[in-house]
């Protein structure tokens, strides 16, 4: 068994600085600062970190009564598709973004 060079930390309400750092990582990974998604910094990929994060999330989700974790991957994002295929069942679905417009005042 190999030792892990990382630690999984379940964020709590007062972990605002850590959440800000995670959001910065997401923004860098996806070149979109508005994105909130699973991401591992490029220098730390291929070390089992994303798998460990999802495994920990499964434990948390089970404790909260969830029965499934829904994730999406873009066509062409082969690393994400391979990861999610390894961990779950693939469903081919259509996804639609419906813009929300503010009501006129």
PDB file of N, CA and C in Angstrom:
ATOM      1  N   UNK A   1       0.849  -1.179   0.000  1.00  0.00           N
ATOM      2  CA  UNK A   1       0.000   0.000   0.000  1.00  0.00           C
ATOM      3  C   UNK A   1       0.896   1.245   0.000  1.00  0.00           C
ATOM      4  N   UNK A   2       0.571   2.217  -0.824  1.00  0.00           N
ATOM      5  CA  UNK A   2       1.367   3.437  -0.901  1.00  0.00           C
ATOM      6  C   UNK A   2       0.854   4.472   0.086  1.00  0.00           C
ATOM      7  N   UNK A   3       1.768   5.299   0.568  1.00  0.00           N
ATOM      8  CA  UNK A   3       1.356   6.369   1.481  1.00  0.00           C
ATOM      9  C   UNK A   3       0.891   7.566   0.662  1.00  0.00           C
ATOM     10  N   UNK A   4      -0.058   8.293   1.213  1.00  0.00           N
ATOM     11  CA  UNK A   4      -0.605   9.464   0.526  1.00  0.00           C
ATOM     12  C   UNK A   4       0.189  10.698   0.925  1.00  0.00           C
ATOM     13  N   UNK A   5       0.487  11.526  -0.061  1.00  0.00           N
ATOM     14  CA  UNK A   5       1.204  12.774   0.182  1.00  0.00           C
ATOM     15  C   UNK A   5       0.234  13.947   0.263  1.00  0.00           C
ATOM     16  N   UNK A   6      -1.026  13.658   0.505  1.00  0.00           N
ATOM     17  CA  UNK A   6      -2.045  14.693   0.601  1.00  0.00           C
ATOM     18  C   UNK A   6      -3.006  14.322   1.718  1.00  0.00           C
ATOM     19  N   UNK A   7      -3.814  15.288   2.107  1.00  0.00           N
ATOM     20  CA  UNK A   7      -4.790  15.087   3.172  1.00  0.00           C
ATOM     21  C   UNK A   7      -6.131  15.625   2.714  1.00  0.00           C
ATOM     22  N   UNK A   8      -7.200  14.876   2.948  1.00  0.00           N
ATOM     23  CA  UNK A   8      -8.552  15.312   2.620  1.00  0.00           C
ATOM     24  C   UNK A   8      -9.080  16.078   3.831  1.00  0.00           C
ATOM     25  N   UNK A   9      -9.610  17.267   3.589  1.00  0.00           N
ATOM     26  CA  UNK A   9     -10.138  18.103   4.668  1.00  0.00           C
ATOM     27  C   UNK A   9     -11.577  18.479   4.329  1.00  0.00           C
ATOM     28  N   UNK A  10     -12.507  18.109   5.177  1.00  0.00           N
ATOM     29  CA  UNK A  10     -13.924  18.455   4.984  1.00  0.00           C
ATOM     30  C   UNK A  10     -14.105  19.900   5.442  1.00  0.00           C
ATOM     31  N   UNK A  11     -14.430  20.789   4.507  1.00  0.00           N
ATOM     32  CA  UNK A  11     -14.590  22.198   4.843  1.00  0.00           C
ATOM     33  C   UNK A  11     -15.768  22.412   5.780  1.00  0.00           C
ATOM     34  N   UNK A  12     -15.567  23.331   6.674  1.00  0.00           N
ATOM     35  CA  UNK A  12     -16.606  23.711   7.634  1.00  0.00           C
ATOM     36  C   UNK A  12     -16.983  25.168   7.364  1.00  0.00           C
ATOM     37  N   UNK A  13     -18.081  25.652   7.945  1.00  0.00           N
ATOM     38  CA  UNK A  13     -18.531  27.020   7.653  1.00  0.00           C
ATOM     39  C   UNK A  13     -17.473  28.106   7.880  1.00  0.00           C
ATOM     40  N   UNK A  14     -16.537  27.889   8.798  1.00  0.00           N
ATOM     41  CA  UNK A  14     -15.542  28.930   9.063  1.00  0.00           C
ATOM     42  C   UNK A  14     -14.273  28.778   8.213  1.00  0.00           C
ATOM     43  N   UNK A  15     -14.268  27.872   7.247  1.00  0.00           N
ATOM     44  CA  UNK A  15     -13.111  27.656   6.377  1.00  0.00           C
ATOM     45  C   UNK A  15     -13.177  28.524   5.119  1.00  0.00           C
ATOM     46  N   UNK A  16     -13.498  29.777   5.293  1.00  0.00           N
ATOM     47  CA  UNK A  16     -13.689  30.681   4.151  1.00  0.00           C
ATOM     48  C   UNK A  16     -12.402  30.848   3.350  1.00  0.00           C
ATOM     49  N   UNK A  17     -11.274  31.005   4.009  1.00  0.00           N
ATOM     50  CA  UNK A  17     -10.004  31.190   3.298  1.00  0.00           C
ATOM     51  C   UNK A  17      -9.658  29.950   2.466  1.00  0.00           C
ATOM     52  N   UNK A  18      -9.906  28.762   3.016  1.00  0.00           N
ATOM     53  CA  UNK A  18      -9.655  27.535   2.257  1.00  0.00           C
ATOM     54  C   UNK A  18     -10.587  27.448   1.052  1.00  0.00           C
ATOM     55  N   UNK A  19     -11.842  27.826   1.223  1.00  0.00           N
ATOM     56  CA  UNK A  19     -12.792  27.795   0.116  1.00  0.00           C
ATOM     57  C   UNK A  19     -12.366  28.780  -0.969  1.00  0.00           C
ATOM     58  N   UNK A  20     -11.909  29.954  -0.579  1.00  0.00           N
ATOM     59  CA  UNK A  20     -11.420  30.925  -1.566  1.00  0.00           C
ATOM     60  C   UNK A  20     -10.246  30.347  -2.355  1.00  0.00           C
ATOM     61  N   UNK A  21      -9.355  29.634  -1.669  1.00  0.00           N
ATOM     62  CA  UNK A  21      -8.209  29.013  -2.347  1.00  0.00           C
ATOM     63  C   UNK A  21      -8.676  27.922  -3.311  1.00  0.00           C
ATOM     64  N   UNK A  22      -9.673  27.152  -2.897  1.00  0.00           N
ATOM     65  CA  UNK A  22     -10.218  26.127  -3.786  1.00  0.00           C
ATOM     66  C   UNK A  22     -10.861  26.749  -5.016  1.00  0.00           C
ATOM     67  N   UNK A  23     -11.610  27.808  -4.816  1.00  0.00           N
ATOM     68  CA  UNK A  23     -12.247  28.477  -5.954  1.00  0.00           C
ATOM     69  C   UNK A  23     -11.202  29.000  -6.934  1.00  0.00           C
ATOM     70  N   UNK A  24     -10.076  29.491  -6.406  1.00  0.00           N
ATOM     71  CA  UNK A  24      -8.988  29.940  -7.283  1.00  0.00           C
ATOM     72  C   UNK A  24      -8.434  28.763  -8.082  1.00  0.00           C
ATOM     73  N   UNK A  25      -8.286  27.597  -7.438  1.00  0.00           N
ATOM     74  CA  UNK A  25      -7.812  26.399  -8.138  1.00  0.00           C
ATOM     75  C   UNK A  25      -8.792  25.996  -9.226  1.00  0.00           C
ATOM     76  N   UNK A  26     -10.086  26.002  -8.922  1.00  0.00           N
ATOM     77  CA  UNK A  26     -11.100  25.670  -9.920  1.00  0.00           C
ATOM     78  C   UNK A  26     -11.006  26.628 -11.106  1.00  0.00           C
ATOM     79  N   UNK A  27     -10.914  27.918 -10.790  1.00  0.00           N
ATOM     80  CA  UNK A  27     -10.839  28.919 -11.850  1.00  0.00           C
ATOM     81  C   UNK A  27      -9.637  28.721 -12.751  1.00  0.00           C
ATOM     82  N   UNK A  28      -8.484  28.383 -12.145  1.00  0.00           N
ATOM     83  CA  UNK A  28      -7.274  28.128 -12.934  1.00  0.00           C
ATOM     84  C   UNK A  28      -7.423  26.861 -13.766  1.00  0.00           C
ATOM     85  N   UNK A  29      -7.936  25.806 -13.158  1.00  0.00           N
ATOM     86  CA  UNK A  29      -8.050  24.522 -13.852  1.00  0.00           C
ATOM     87  C   UNK A  29      -8.990  24.598 -15.038  1.00  0.00           C
ATOM     88  N   UNK A  30     -10.069  25.357 -14.907  1.00  0.00           N
ATOM     89  CA  UNK A  30     -11.078  25.414 -15.948  1.00  0.00           C
ATOM     90  C   UNK A  30     -11.068  26.732 -16.713  1.00  0.00           C
ATOM     91  N   UNK A  31     -10.071  27.580 -16.430  1.00  0.00           N
ATOM     92  CA  UNK A  31      -9.954  28.876 -17.089  1.00  0.00           C
ATOM     93  C   UNK A  31     -11.267  29.639 -17.029  1.00  0.00           C
ATOM     94  N   UNK A  32     -11.906  29.561 -15.856  1.00  0.00           N
ATOM     95  CA  UNK A  32     -13.194  30.215 -15.652  1.00  0.00           C
ATOM     96  C   UNK A  32     -13.389  30.428 -14.158  1.00  0.00           C
ATOM     97  N   UNK A  33     -13.221  31.659 -13.696  1.00  0.00           N
ATOM     98  CA  UNK A  33     -13.293  31.918 -12.259  1.00  0.00           C
ATOM     99  C   UNK A  33     -14.673  31.700 -11.681  1.00  0.00           C
ATOM    100  N   UNK A  34     -15.702  31.575 -12.514  1.00  0.00           N
ATOM    101  CA  UNK A  34     -17.059  31.346 -12.022  1.00  0.00           C
ATOM    102  C   UNK A  34     -17.357  29.869 -11.783  1.00  0.00           C
ATOM    103  N   UNK A  35     -16.477  28.989 -12.249  1.00  0.00           N
ATOM    104  CA  UNK A  35     -16.714  27.549 -12.159  1.00  0.00           C
ATOM    105  C   UNK A  35     -16.562  27.057 -10.728  1.00  0.00           C
ATOM    106  N   UNK A  36     -17.492  26.214 -10.328  1.00  0.00           N
ATOM    107  CA  UNK A  36     -17.366  25.498  -9.045  1.00  0.00           C
ATOM    108  C   UNK A  36     -17.430  24.025  -9.376  1.00  0.00           C
ATOM    109  N   UNK A  37     -16.297  23.342  -9.299  1.00  0.00           N
ATOM    110  CA  UNK A  37     -16.219  21.980  -9.774  1.00  0.00           C
ATOM    111  C   UNK A  37     -15.063  21.286  -9.078  1.00  0.00           C
ATOM    112  N   UNK A  38     -14.960  19.986  -9.279  1.00  0.00           N
ATOM    113  CA  UNK A  38     -13.825  19.228  -8.773  1.00  0.00           C
ATOM    114  C   UNK A  38     -12.630  19.537  -9.640  1.00  0.00           C
ATOM    115  N   UNK A  39     -11.532  19.907  -9.021  1.00  0.00           N
ATOM    116  CA  UNK A  39     -10.316  20.172  -9.777  1.00  0.00           C
ATOM    117  C   UNK A  39      -9.116  19.849  -8.915  1.00  0.00           C
ATOM    118  N   UNK A  40      -8.070  19.399  -9.565  1.00  0.00           N
ATOM    119  CA  UNK A  40      -6.787  19.166  -8.911  1.00  0.00           C
ATOM    120  C   UNK A  40      -5.763  19.994  -9.675  1.00  0.00           C
ATOM    121  N   UNK A  41      -4.953  20.743  -8.959  1.00  0.00           N
ATOM    122  CA  UNK A  41      -3.928  21.564  -9.600  1.00  0.00           C
ATOM    123  C   UNK A  41      -3.053  20.694 -10.496  1.00  0.00           C
ATOM    124  N   UNK A  42      -2.644  21.234 -11.621  1.00  0.00           N
ATOM    125  CA  UNK A  42      -1.911  20.474 -12.636  1.00  0.00           C
ATOM    126  C   UNK A  42      -0.692  19.753 -12.058  1.00  0.00           C
ATOM    127  N   UNK A  43       0.021  20.389 -11.168  1.00  0.00           N
ATOM    128  CA  UNK A  43       1.237  19.790 -10.600  1.00  0.00           C
ATOM    129  C   UNK A  43       0.949  18.576  -9.724  1.00  0.00           C
ATOM    130  N   UNK A  44      -0.298  18.383  -9.348  1.00  0.00           N
ATOM    131  CA  UNK A  44      -0.641  17.290  -8.425  1.00  0.00           C
ATOM    132  C   UNK A  44      -1.546  16.231  -9.048  1.00  0.00           C
ATOM    133  N   UNK A  45      -1.736  16.295 -10.350  1.00  0.00           N
ATOM    134  CA  UNK A  45      -2.603  15.325 -11.004  1.00  0.00           C
ATOM    135  C   UNK A  45      -1.915  13.972 -11.149  1.00  0.00           C
ATOM    136  N   UNK A  46      -2.726  12.943 -11.388  1.00  0.00           N
ATOM    137  CA  UNK A  46      -2.260  11.558 -11.603  1.00  0.00           C
ATOM    138  C   UNK A  46      -1.638  10.962 -10.341  1.00  0.00           C
ATOM    139  N   UNK A  47      -2.119  11.414  -9.174  1.00  0.00           N
ATOM    140  CA  UNK A  47      -1.642  10.889  -7.895  1.00  0.00           C
ATOM    141  C   UNK A  47      -2.781  10.272  -7.082  1.00  0.00           C
ATOM    142  N   UNK A  48      -3.962  10.162  -7.663  1.00  0.00           N
ATOM    143  CA  UNK A  48      -5.093   9.579  -6.965  1.00  0.00           C
ATOM    144  C   UNK A  48      -5.885  10.560  -6.124  1.00  0.00           C
ATOM    145  N   UNK A  49      -5.575  11.841  -6.241  1.00  0.00           N
ATOM    146  CA  UNK A  49      -6.235  12.845  -5.404  1.00  0.00           C
ATOM    147  C   UNK A  49      -7.716  12.986  -5.765  1.00  0.00           C
ATOM    148  N   UNK A  50      -8.042  13.087  -7.045  1.00  0.00           N
ATOM    149  CA  UNK A  50      -9.449  13.229  -7.444  1.00  0.00           C
ATOM    150  C   UNK A  50     -10.249  12.000  -7.014  1.00  0.00           C
ATOM    151  N   UNK A  51      -9.672  10.819  -7.186  1.00  0.00           N
ATOM    152  CA  UNK A  51     -10.354   9.599  -6.746  1.00  0.00           C
ATOM    153  C   UNK A  51     -10.576   9.623  -5.243  1.00  0.00           C
ATOM    154  N   UNK A  52      -9.556  10.031  -4.486  1.00  0.00           N
ATOM    155  CA  UNK A  52      -9.694  10.110  -3.027  1.00  0.00           C
ATOM    156  C   UNK A  52     -10.753  11.129  -2.623  1.00  0.00           C
ATOM    157  N   UNK A  53     -10.809  12.264  -3.323  1.00  0.00           N
ATOM    158  CA  UNK A  53     -11.831  13.270  -3.028  1.00  0.00           C
ATOM    159  C   UNK A  53     -13.230  12.711  -3.252  1.00  0.00           C
ATOM    160  N   UNK A  54     -13.405  12.011  -4.357  1.00  0.00           N
ATOM    161  CA  UNK A  54     -14.720  11.453  -4.654  1.00  0.00           C
ATOM    162  C   UNK A  54     -15.068  10.349  -3.658  1.00  0.00           C
ATOM    163  N   UNK A  55     -14.114   9.527  -3.287  1.00  0.00           N
ATOM    164  CA  UNK A  55     -14.379   8.481  -2.296  1.00  0.00           C
ATOM    165  C   UNK A  55     -14.800   9.109  -0.964  1.00  0.00           C
ATOM    166  N   UNK A  56     -14.131  10.181  -0.560  1.00  0.00           N
ATOM    167  CA  UNK A  56     -14.501  10.874   0.683  1.00  0.00           C
ATOM    168  C   UNK A  56     -15.890  11.494   0.554  1.00  0.00           C
ATOM    169  N   UNK A  57     -16.165  12.068  -0.612  1.00  0.00           N
ATOM    170  CA  UNK A  57     -17.483  12.646  -0.851  1.00  0.00           C
ATOM    171  C   UNK A  57     -18.569  11.578  -0.768  1.00  0.00           C
ATOM    172  N   UNK A  58     -18.281  10.364  -1.254  1.00  0.00           N
ATOM    173  CA  UNK A  58     -19.247   9.266  -1.155  1.00  0.00           C
ATOM    174  C   UNK A  58     -19.572   8.964   0.304  1.00  0.00           C
ATOM    175  N   UNK A  59     -18.563   8.979   1.160  1.00  0.00           N
ATOM    176  CA  UNK A  59     -18.772   8.729   2.585  1.00  0.00           C
ATOM    177  C   UNK A  59     -19.644   9.821   3.197  1.00  0.00           C
ATOM    178  N   UNK A  60     -19.332  11.068   2.873  1.00  0.00           N
ATOM    179  CA  UNK A  60     -20.107  12.200   3.387  1.00  0.00           C
ATOM    180  C   UNK A  60     -21.547  12.126   2.877  1.00  0.00           C
ATOM    181  N   UNK A  61     -21.692  11.856   1.579  1.00  0.00           N
ATOM    182  CA  UNK A  61     -23.029  11.795   0.973  1.00  0.00           C
ATOM    183  C   UNK A  61     -23.861  10.668   1.590  1.00  0.00           C
ATOM    184  N   UNK A  62     -23.249   9.518   1.809  1.00  0.00           N
ATOM    185  CA  UNK A  62     -23.978   8.404   2.422  1.00  0.00           C
ATOM    186  C   UNK A  62     -24.443   8.776   3.823  1.00  0.00           C
ATOM    187  N   UNK A  63     -23.603   9.479   4.552  1.00  0.00           N
ATOM    188  CA  UNK A  63     -23.965   9.916   5.899  1.00  0.00           C
ATOM    189  C   UNK A  63     -25.108  10.906   5.912  1.00  0.00           C
ATOM    190  N   UNK A  64     -25.320  11.563   4.794  1.00  0.00           N
ATOM    191  CA  UNK A  64     -26.408  12.539   4.696  1.00  0.00           C
ATOM    192  C   UNK A  64     -27.629  11.977   3.988  1.00  0.00           C
ATOM    193  N   UNK A  65     -27.590  10.684   3.680  1.00  0.00           N
ATOM    194  CA  UNK A  65     -28.746  10.036   3.075  1.00  0.00           C
ATOM    195  C   UNK A  65     -28.825  10.128   1.562  1.00  0.00           C
ATOM    196  N   UNK A  66     -27.770  10.595   0.900  1.00  0.00           N
ATOM    197  CA  UNK A  66     -27.777  10.670  -0.562  1.00  0.00           C
ATOM    198  C   UNK A  66     -27.604   9.275  -1.146  1.00  0.00           C
ATOM    199  N   UNK A  67     -28.107   9.064  -2.332  1.00  0.00           N
ATOM    200  CA  UNK A  67     -27.962   7.768  -2.973  1.00  0.00           C
ATOM    201  C   UNK A  67     -27.130   7.823  -4.248  1.00  0.00           C
ATOM    202  N   UNK A  68     -26.796   9.018  -4.714  1.00  0.00           N
ATOM    203  CA  UNK A  68     -25.992   9.149  -5.927  1.00  0.00           C
ATOM    204  C   UNK A  68     -25.274  10.493  -5.906  1.00  0.00           C
ATOM    205  N   UNK A  69     -24.122  10.545  -6.542  1.00  0.00           N
ATOM    206  CA  UNK A  69     -23.394  11.798  -6.770  1.00  0.00           C
ATOM    207  C   UNK A  69     -23.419  12.023  -8.278  1.00  0.00           C
ATOM    208  N   UNK A  70     -23.956  13.139  -8.685  1.00  0.00           N
ATOM    209  CA  UNK A  70     -24.070  13.458 -10.100  1.00  0.00           C
ATOM    210  C   UNK A  70     -22.875  14.303 -10.511  1.00  0.00           C
ATOM    211  N   UNK A  71     -22.168  13.880 -11.546  1.00  0.00           N
ATOM    212  CA  UNK A  71     -21.054  14.662 -12.095  1.00  0.00           C
ATOM    213  C   UNK A  71     -21.218  14.736 -13.603  1.00  0.00           C
ATOM    214  N   UNK A  72     -20.675  15.766 -14.176  1.00  0.00           N
ATOM    215  CA  UNK A  72     -20.710  15.928 -15.622  1.00  0.00           C
ATOM    216  C   UNK A  72     -19.307  16.119 -16.159  1.00  0.00           C
ATOM    217  N   UNK A  73     -19.113  15.746 -17.396  1.00  0.00           N
ATOM    218  CA  UNK A  73     -17.829  15.954 -18.071  1.00  0.00           C
ATOM    219  C   UNK A  73     -18.118  16.422 -19.486  1.00  0.00           C
ATOM    220  N   UNK A  74     -17.308  17.319 -19.951  1.00  0.00           N
ATOM    221  CA  UNK A  74     -17.468  17.815 -21.314  1.00  0.00           C
ATOM    222  C   UNK A  74     -16.917  16.802 -22.314  1.00  0.00           C
ATOM    223  N   UNK A  75     -17.560  16.703 -23.475  1.00  0.00           N
ATOM    224  CA  UNK A  75     -17.049  15.869 -24.553  1.00  0.00           C
ATOM    225  C   UNK A  75     -15.624  16.331 -24.854  1.00  0.00           C
ATOM    226  N   UNK A  76     -14.709  15.389 -24.924  1.00  0.00           N
ATOM    227  CA  UNK A  76     -13.311  15.722 -25.189  1.00  0.00           C
ATOM    228  C   UNK A  76     -12.463  15.833 -23.936  1.00  0.00           C
ATOM    229  N   UNK A  77     -13.085  15.883 -22.752  1.00  0.00           N
ATOM    230  CA  UNK A  77     -12.325  15.928 -21.501  1.00  0.00           C
ATOM    231  C   UNK A  77     -12.038  14.486 -21.080  1.00  0.00           C
ATOM    232  N   UNK A  78     -11.130  13.854 -21.819  1.00  0.00           N
ATOM    233  CA  UNK A  78     -10.861  12.431 -21.644  1.00  0.00           C
ATOM    234  C   UNK A  78     -10.413  12.047 -20.231  1.00  0.00           C
ATOM    235  N   UNK A  79      -9.567  12.849 -19.554  1.00  0.00           N
ATOM    236  CA  UNK A  79      -9.200  12.467 -18.191  1.00  0.00           C
ATOM    237  C   UNK A  79     -10.399  12.412 -17.243  1.00  0.00           C
ATOM    238  N   UNK A  80     -11.292  13.395 -17.323  1.00  0.00           N
ATOM    239  CA  UNK A  80     -12.481  13.392 -16.465  1.00  0.00           C
ATOM    240  C   UNK A  80     -13.396  12.228 -16.815  1.00  0.00           C
ATOM    241  N   UNK A  81     -13.586  11.976 -18.099  1.00  0.00           N
ATOM    242  CA  UNK A  81     -14.438  10.874 -18.528  1.00  0.00           C
ATOM    243  C   UNK A  81     -13.879   9.545 -18.033  1.00  0.00           C
ATOM    244  N   UNK A  82     -12.568   9.366 -18.117  1.00  0.00           N
ATOM    245  CA  UNK A  82     -11.948   8.121 -17.641  1.00  0.00           C
ATOM    246  C   UNK A  82     -12.123   7.975 -16.133  1.00  0.00           C
ATOM    247  N   UNK A  83     -11.929   9.062 -15.393  1.00  0.00           N
ATOM    248  CA  UNK A  83     -12.084   9.020 -13.936  1.00  0.00           C
ATOM    249  C   UNK A  83     -13.510   8.649 -13.552  1.00  0.00           C
ATOM    250  N   UNK A  84     -14.486   9.338 -14.122  1.00  0.00           N
ATOM    251  CA  UNK A  84     -15.875   9.099 -13.758  1.00  0.00           C
ATOM    252  C   UNK A  84     -16.352   7.733 -14.224  1.00  0.00           C
ATOM    253  N   UNK A  85     -15.833   7.255 -15.360  1.00  0.00           N
ATOM    254  CA  UNK A  85     -16.179   5.917 -15.841  1.00  0.00           C
ATOM    255  C   UNK A  85     -15.663   4.861 -14.873  1.00  0.00           C
ATOM    256  N   UNK A  86     -14.464   5.084 -14.335  1.00  0.00           N
ATOM    257  CA  UNK A  86     -13.873   4.154 -13.373  1.00  0.00           C
ATOM    258  C   UNK A  86     -14.698   4.087 -12.088  1.00  0.00           C
ATOM    259  N   UNK A  87     -15.318   5.203 -11.718  1.00  0.00           N
ATOM    260  CA  UNK A  87     -15.992   5.300 -10.422  1.00  0.00           C
ATOM    261  C   UNK A  87     -17.503   5.111 -10.477  1.00  0.00           C
ATOM    262  N   UNK A  88     -18.098   5.198 -11.644  1.00  0.00           N
ATOM    263  CA  UNK A  88     -19.564   5.145 -11.692  1.00  0.00           C
ATOM    264  C   UNK A  88     -20.085   4.642 -13.014  1.00  0.00           C
ATOM    265  N   UNK A  89     -21.388   4.726 -13.165  1.00  0.00           N
ATOM    266  CA  UNK A  89     -22.070   4.286 -14.381  1.00  0.00           C
ATOM    267  C   UNK A  89     -22.298   5.489 -15.289  1.00  0.00           C
ATOM    268  N   UNK A  90     -21.964   5.349 -16.550  1.00  0.00           N
ATOM    269  CA  UNK A  90     -22.114   6.426 -17.518  1.00  0.00           C
ATOM    270  C   UNK A  90     -23.533   6.475 -18.050  1.00  0.00           C
ATOM    271  N   UNK A  91     -24.061   7.690 -18.154  1.00  0.00           N
ATOM    272  CA  UNK A  91     -25.351   7.933 -18.787  1.00  0.00           C
ATOM    273  C   UNK A  91     -25.145   8.979 -19.871  1.00  0.00           C
ATOM    274  N   UNK A  92     -25.656   8.733 -21.033  1.00  0.00           N
ATOM    275  CA  UNK A  92     -25.583   9.726 -22.104  1.00  0.00           C
ATOM    276  C   UNK A  92     -26.874  10.533 -22.079  1.00  0.00           C
ATOM    277  N   UNK A  93     -26.747  11.818 -21.738  1.00  0.00           N
ATOM    278  CA  UNK A  93     -27.906  12.693 -21.612  1.00  0.00           C
ATOM    279  C   UNK A  93     -27.642  13.994 -22.352  1.00  0.00           C
ATOM    280  N   UNK A  94     -28.698  14.735 -22.565  1.00  0.00           N
ATOM    281  CA  UNK A  94     -28.575  16.083 -23.112  1.00  0.00           C
ATOM    282  C   UNK A  94     -28.625  17.060 -21.954  1.00  0.00           C
ATOM    283  N   UNK A  95     -27.829  18.090 -22.028  1.00  0.00           N
ATOM    284  CA  UNK A  95     -27.765  19.107 -20.980  1.00  0.00           C
ATOM    285  C   UNK A  95     -28.099  20.443 -21.628  1.00  0.00           C
ATOM    286  N   UNK A  96     -28.934  21.217 -20.967  1.00  0.00           N
ATOM    287  CA  UNK A  96     -29.336  22.518 -21.493  1.00  0.00           C
ATOM    288  C   UNK A  96     -29.063  23.593 -20.452  1.00  0.00           C
ATOM    289  N   UNK A  97     -28.473  24.679 -20.875  1.00  0.00           N
ATOM    290  CA  UNK A  97     -28.298  25.843 -20.014  1.00  0.00           C
ATOM    291  C   UNK A  97     -29.414  26.823 -20.356  1.00  0.00           C
ATOM    292  N   UNK A  98     -30.229  27.116 -19.384  1.00  0.00           N
ATOM    293  CA  UNK A  98     -31.346  28.049 -19.580  1.00  0.00           C
ATOM    294  C   UNK A  98     -31.012  29.310 -18.800  1.00  0.00           C
ATOM    295  N   UNK A  99     -30.807  30.405 -19.513  1.00  0.00           N
ATOM    296  CA  UNK A  99     -30.425  31.670 -18.890  1.00  0.00           C
ATOM    297  C   UNK A  99     -31.536  32.189 -17.989  1.00  0.00           C
ATOM    298  N   UNK A 100     -31.154  32.728 -16.866  1.00  0.00           N
ATOM    299  CA  UNK A 100     -32.094  33.351 -15.950  1.00  0.00           C
ATOM    300  C   UNK A 100     -31.906  34.856 -16.088  1.00  0.00           C
ATOM    301  N   UNK A 101     -32.970  35.521 -16.451  1.00  0.00           N
ATOM    302  CA  UNK A 101     -32.913  36.960 -16.643  1.00  0.00           C
ATOM    303  C   UNK A 101     -33.589  37.658 -15.494  1.00  0.00           C
ATOM    304  N   UNK A 102     -33.023  38.751 -15.076  1.00  0.00           N
ATOM    305  CA  UNK A 102     -33.631  39.535 -14.006  1.00  0.00           C
ATOM    306  C   UNK A 102     -34.882  40.208 -14.522  1.00  0.00           C
ATOM    307  N   UNK A 103     -35.928  40.218 -13.702  1.00  0.00           N
ATOM    308  CA  UNK A 103     -37.164  40.896 -14.136  1.00  0.00           C
ATOM    309  C   UNK A 103     -36.922  42.407 -14.281  1.00  0.00           C
ATOM    310  N   UNK A 104     -37.586  42.986 -15.254  1.00  0.00           N
ATOM    311  CA  UNK A 104     -37.478  44.437 -15.460  1.00  0.00           C
ATOM    312  C   UNK A 104     -38.155  45.166 -14.300  1.00  0.00           C
ATOM    313  N   UNK A 105     -37.565  46.260 -13.921  1.00  0.00           N
ATOM    314  CA  UNK A 105     -38.162  47.069 -12.837  1.00  0.00           C
ATOM    315  C   UNK A 105     -38.708  48.338 -13.384  1.00  0.00           C
TER     316      UNK A 105
END
